[in-house]
Amino acid sequence: MEANNHPSSSLPSPQTQEDQQTQPPTTTSLPLATISLSVLPSYVSLFSSSTTSLKSSSFSPFSSHLKIPSQISSLSLSLFSPPSKPHSKLSTPSKISNSLLLSPSPIIIRRPADPSAGAAARRCSIVWFRSDLRLHDHEALSAANADSLSLLPVFLFDPRDFGRSPAGFDRTGPCRARFLVDSVSDLRAGLRRRGSDLVVRVGRPEVVLPELARAAGADAVYAHREVSHDEARAEERVAEAMEAEGVEVKYFWGSTLHHVDDLPFDLEHMPTNYGGFREKVKGVSVRKTIETPEEVRGLPSRGDIEPGEIPSLQDLGLNQDGKSVTSVPLVGGETEALERLKKFAAECHAQPNDGNKDNTRDNIYGANVSCKISPWLATGCLSPRFMFEELKKTATRAISATSSRRNGVDPADGGMNWLMFELMWRDFFRFITKKCNSSKKKVEGVPATACAGAVV
C-alpha cells in the first residue's frame, strides 16, 4: 500500500479489508494548543528542514497524523492519552510542558504607579525651596508629589543674598547664615528619610533652575511665593527663564496664617493700618494644614544629577567664627522648630493665662512668643497655621478666630488670643509688603505702620 503524500488531499487512500482489521482505531481529538513559530524561536530547531525529509518508515503508523505544511504558519499538536506502544518509537522529548500549553504564564508589565489617582502625571517636577524649609503644611511639595513621577527638590544659595550691601552692611550675617545652613541640612535629612533628597547649589535661580530642568527633563517648577522686592523680582526672572525652556511655573501661598486668596479684599485695597486690617479679617477662618507626606518621589534618573554639598560659612564669604547674639546658639531646622513648639505648648498648658483686670498677660505670651518661635517662622521651618492648630489642641481655654471681646482679647482666654494677635500682626506686615511690591508704580517709601517688628 502506498501512502497519500499530497498535503492538500482530504480523501484517505483505499484500504483493504485486511489492512482495516490490523490498523488500530484512529482517535479523533481536538488540538490542545496552537503555537505560532514566530514567538517560539527556541523551538523551531525541533522542526527544521531536516525533519521534513524523514521517511514514514521512521515513525509509527500514527506518524501520518503529524502534518507540516510547506508554508508553515502554525503547528498543531494532537496529544493522545494513553499512547500505544508503537508510538514509543518517537523518542524526541518535547521542550514545551503540558502545563504551559494548557495554562500559559501571564505577561506582567510593570509601570510606574499613577500618583494622582487617574490624573495626568508629570514626568519630573522641580520643587524650589525658599523661605519654606519644612515638609509639614507645604502645599507646593504636596502638589508636586501628587502630580509627578519623580521630584527634584532644590535649594539655592543666591550670592546676591550674601556679601555687603551698598550701605556697607552684611546682607546676611554669620548667625543668620549658620541658622540657614542648619535648616537646609535638616530639610535634606527629612527628605532622605522619605526616599528623596535635596539638591543644593550656589547660584542665581534664573540661571541654575533652567539648567537643572534641562538636565532632568522637568515639566514644571513648584514654589511658594514670597513678599519682599528682591524675592518678587527673582520670581519674575525665573518665570521668564522657564518660559523660554517651555517649563511651567506654579506658585503657591504658604507663609501666613490666613491665605491670601481668603482675604475679603484685594491687596491693592488692603488697609494700611493694623486696626482696619484686623476688622476686615476677624471673620476669616484659617485653612487646615496640609499633612506631611510619608513618602516623597525620588530624584529623576535622567541627567544623573548629584545632590551637591551644603556650603560652609567660609564658602558664603562669612566669618566662620561668628559669635551668636544669644547665650545659647539657636539651631535651625524643622526638627528643632517642632520640638520648640512642643515645649511651648506644654508651658501654655501648665500655666494658663487667666488675664488681669488691666488686660495684662503673663510672661508665657507676648514678647516671649517672638524670641521662642520667630526664627523658625521666618525661615519657614514652622508653618504659622500648624503652630496655631497645635496650640489650639493643647489650650485649656477656648479660642475663637471669628469673634472677639474687649478689643479682640478676652481676659478669660487672653493667652491664646494673644497668640492670635501676634500672628495677625505678622500677616499684616507680610500682606502690606506684598501690596507695596505688587504695585506697578514705584513705591518711594513703606507706610510707617508696616515697619514695626513682631513675629516674622
Foldseek 3Di string as FASTA:
>chain_A
DDFDPDQPDPDGDDDDPVRVVPDDDDDDDDFLAKDFCVVVVVCVVVPDPVNVPDDPVQAFPCVVVFDADPPHGIGTDDDDPPDDPRRVSPPDDDPDDPVCSNPNDDDDDDDQDQLAVPDAAWAEEEEEAFLALAQWLDVLQVVNQSRYQAYAYEYEAELVQADADPVGDTSAAPLLVQQVLLANVQSQVVQVQQPAGYAYYYHQLLPPVVVVCVQQVGQEYTYEQAQAQVRVVSVVSNCVSVVVVNHYYHYAHFQAQAGQVQQPDHLLPADQALVSNCVRCLQGDGDAGDGRDSHGGYHGPGNPDDSDDRDQCVVSVHDNPDDDPDPDRDRHHLVVLVVLLVVLLVVCLVDPQLADPVRDTDPSDDPVVQVSHQSHSRSSSDGPNVSLVVSCVSHPDHDGSNDADDSQADSRRRRSSRSVVQSSLVVSLRSQSNNQSPDPDPDPDRDPNNPDDGRD
